[in-house]
């Protein structure tokens, strides 16, 4: 088990675990500022919505944004928390939370994001083809 995930379902199939392994590697590359490796987990035709942009995002936008973000932000600690993985042939729909403590020139902050992502299996590993995430208000209970 990765240091990024302290708790994941013990009854997952090998296929679900392989999807989650790609998610962990994807985040490990981002946290370690390996943008070129991070981008290898993004399908060329990726499309999504993120909390950091009022418009839809694509792979070229991510290459630009992640490059800037990794230069200006340190991830002090990160926890991935899986909710569900549903697999349909070579497509996986994944829902999870990510909790980080981040530090930048403005100071430190706690951030909780909620993701729904669509991953597609390729020759090497799973890649993201669609994503939607939002910031979670810490006052939400449930």
Protein backbone atom coordinates (compact mmCIF):
# COMPACT_ATOMS: atom_id res chain seq x y z
CA UNK A 1 0.00 0.00 0.00
CA UNK A 2 1.25 3.47 -0.89
CA UNK A 3 1.98 6.12 1.71
CA UNK A 4 -0.72 8.19 -0.02
CA UNK A 5 -3.57 5.84 0.92
CA UNK A 6 -3.95 4.68 4.51
CA UNK A 7 -7.28 2.93 4.01
CA UNK A 8 -8.73 1.25 0.94
CA UNK A 9 -11.26 -1.56 0.52
CA UNK A 10 -9.83 -5.02 1.15
CA UNK A 11 -12.36 -6.66 -1.18
CA UNK A 12 -11.25 -4.88 -4.37
CA UNK A 13 -10.50 -6.99 -7.43
CA UNK A 14 -7.07 -7.04 -9.06
CA UNK A 15 -8.45 -4.74 -11.76
CA UNK A 16 -9.74 -2.19 -9.20
CA UNK A 17 -6.37 -2.30 -7.44
CA UNK A 18 -4.57 -1.67 -10.74
CA UNK A 19 -6.73 1.43 -11.33
CA UNK A 20 -5.97 2.69 -7.83
CA UNK A 21 -2.26 1.99 -8.34
CA UNK A 22 -2.34 4.32 -11.38
CA UNK A 23 -4.10 7.00 -9.32
CA UNK A 24 -1.46 6.78 -6.59
CA UNK A 25 1.39 6.96 -9.11
CA UNK A 26 -0.34 9.89 -10.84
CA UNK A 27 -0.46 11.81 -7.54
CA UNK A 28 3.05 10.75 -6.48
CA UNK A 29 4.41 12.30 -9.69
CA UNK A 30 2.51 15.53 -9.03
CA UNK A 31 3.62 15.78 -5.41
CA UNK A 32 7.22 15.06 -6.44
CA UNK A 33 7.00 17.73 -9.16
CA UNK A 34 7.63 15.25 -11.97
CA UNK A 35 5.28 17.02 -14.40
CA UNK A 36 6.42 15.01 -17.45
CA UNK A 37 5.63 11.74 -15.66
CA UNK A 38 2.34 13.12 -14.27
CA UNK A 39 1.18 14.04 -17.78
CA UNK A 40 1.74 10.45 -18.97
CA UNK A 41 -1.35 9.58 -16.90
CA UNK A 42 -3.48 12.09 -18.86
CA UNK A 43 -5.03 10.91 -22.14
CA UNK A 44 -4.30 13.25 -25.10
CA UNK A 45 -8.08 13.82 -25.53
CA UNK A 46 -8.70 14.44 -21.81
CA UNK A 47 -11.52 16.84 -20.92
CA UNK A 48 -12.76 17.93 -17.52
CA UNK A 49 -13.74 20.56 -14.99
CA UNK A 50 -11.69 21.55 -11.98
CA UNK A 51 -12.11 23.87 -9.04
CA UNK A 52 -9.23 26.05 -10.23
CA UNK A 53 -10.78 27.08 -13.55
CA UNK A 54 -14.21 28.49 -14.50
CA UNK A 55 -13.81 26.92 -17.95
CA UNK A 56 -13.30 23.32 -18.97
CA UNK A 57 -9.76 21.99 -18.89
CA UNK A 58 -7.82 19.78 -21.29
CA UNK A 59 -4.34 18.25 -21.48
CA UNK A 60 -2.57 21.42 -22.80
CA UNK A 61 -4.22 23.46 -20.02
CA UNK A 62 -3.07 20.88 -17.43
CA UNK A 63 0.49 20.92 -18.76
CA UNK A 64 0.56 24.70 -18.30
CA UNK A 65 -1.26 24.79 -14.94
CA UNK A 66 0.52 21.85 -13.30
CA UNK A 67 3.90 23.22 -14.40
CA UNK A 68 3.15 26.53 -12.69
CA UNK A 69 1.46 24.99 -9.64
CA UNK A 70 4.34 22.61 -8.88
CA UNK A 71 6.83 25.50 -8.98
CA UNK A 72 4.82 27.58 -6.51
CA UNK A 73 3.34 24.94 -4.16
CA UNK A 74 4.71 22.32 -1.76
CA UNK A 75 2.54 19.40 -0.65
CA UNK A 76 3.41 18.83 3.01
CA UNK A 77 1.14 15.78 3.43
CA UNK A 78 -1.41 14.03 1.26
CA UNK A 79 -4.11 11.43 1.91
CA UNK A 80 -6.10 9.74 -0.84
CA UNK A 81 -9.39 8.23 0.27
CA UNK A 82 -11.17 5.97 -2.23
CA UNK A 83 -14.96 5.96 -2.40
CA UNK A 84 -15.75 3.68 -5.36
CA UNK A 85 -14.31 2.18 -8.53
CA UNK A 86 -16.69 0.80 -11.16
CA UNK A 87 -15.07 -0.93 -14.14
CA UNK A 88 -16.72 -1.37 -17.54
CA UNK A 89 -14.35 -3.25 -19.86
CA UNK A 90 -11.39 -0.84 -20.33
CA UNK A 91 -13.10 2.12 -18.64
CA UNK A 92 -13.09 2.82 -14.89
CA UNK A 93 -15.20 5.41 -13.10
CA UNK A 94 -13.51 6.41 -9.86
CA UNK A 95 -14.68 8.57 -6.98
CA UNK A 96 -12.37 9.63 -4.18
CA UNK A 97 -11.34 12.40 -1.81
CA UNK A 98 -7.88 13.88 -1.52
CA UNK A 99 -6.79 15.79 1.57
CA UNK A 100 -3.62 17.87 1.40
CA UNK A 101 -1.77 20.39 3.45
CA UNK A 102 -0.16 22.78 0.98
CA UNK A 103 2.33 25.57 1.39
CA UNK A 104 3.03 28.44 -0.99
CA UNK A 105 4.05 32.12 -0.81
CA UNK A 106 0.67 32.94 0.75
CA UNK A 107 1.23 30.48 3.60
CA UNK A 108 -0.15 27.06 4.44
CA UNK A 109 -3.65 25.70 4.00
CA UNK A 110 -5.68 22.52 4.30
CA UNK A 111 -7.45 21.49 1.12
CA UNK A 112 -10.03 18.75 0.59
CA UNK A 113 -11.06 17.93 -2.97
CA UNK A 114 -13.72 15.51 -4.19
CA UNK A 115 -13.08 13.79 -7.54
CA UNK A 116 -15.06 11.82 -10.07
CA UNK A 117 -12.70 10.62 -12.77
CA UNK A 118 -12.99 8.41 -15.82
CA UNK A 119 -9.90 6.33 -16.55
CA UNK A 120 -9.11 4.24 -19.64
CA UNK A 121 -6.74 1.29 -19.69
CA UNK A 122 -3.88 1.62 -22.16
CA UNK A 123 -0.84 -0.57 -22.81
CA UNK A 124 1.24 0.79 -19.91
CA UNK A 125 -1.31 1.79 -17.25
CA UNK A 126 -4.65 3.53 -16.74
CA UNK A 127 -4.96 7.13 -18.02
CA UNK A 128 -7.49 9.87 -17.22
CA UNK A 129 -9.94 10.68 -20.02
CA UNK A 130 -12.39 12.75 -17.97
CA UNK A 131 -12.45 14.43 -14.59
CA UNK A 132 -14.56 16.66 -12.42
CA UNK A 133 -13.42 17.89 -9.02
CA UNK A 134 -14.48 20.46 -6.52
CA UNK A 135 -13.31 21.81 -3.20
CA UNK A 136 -15.12 20.43 -0.19
CA UNK A 137 -16.37 22.77 2.49
CA UNK A 138 -15.05 21.38 5.76
CA UNK A 139 -18.37 22.20 7.42
CA UNK A 140 -20.12 19.50 5.36
CA UNK A 141 -20.88 16.46 7.48
CA UNK A 142 -21.82 13.03 6.33
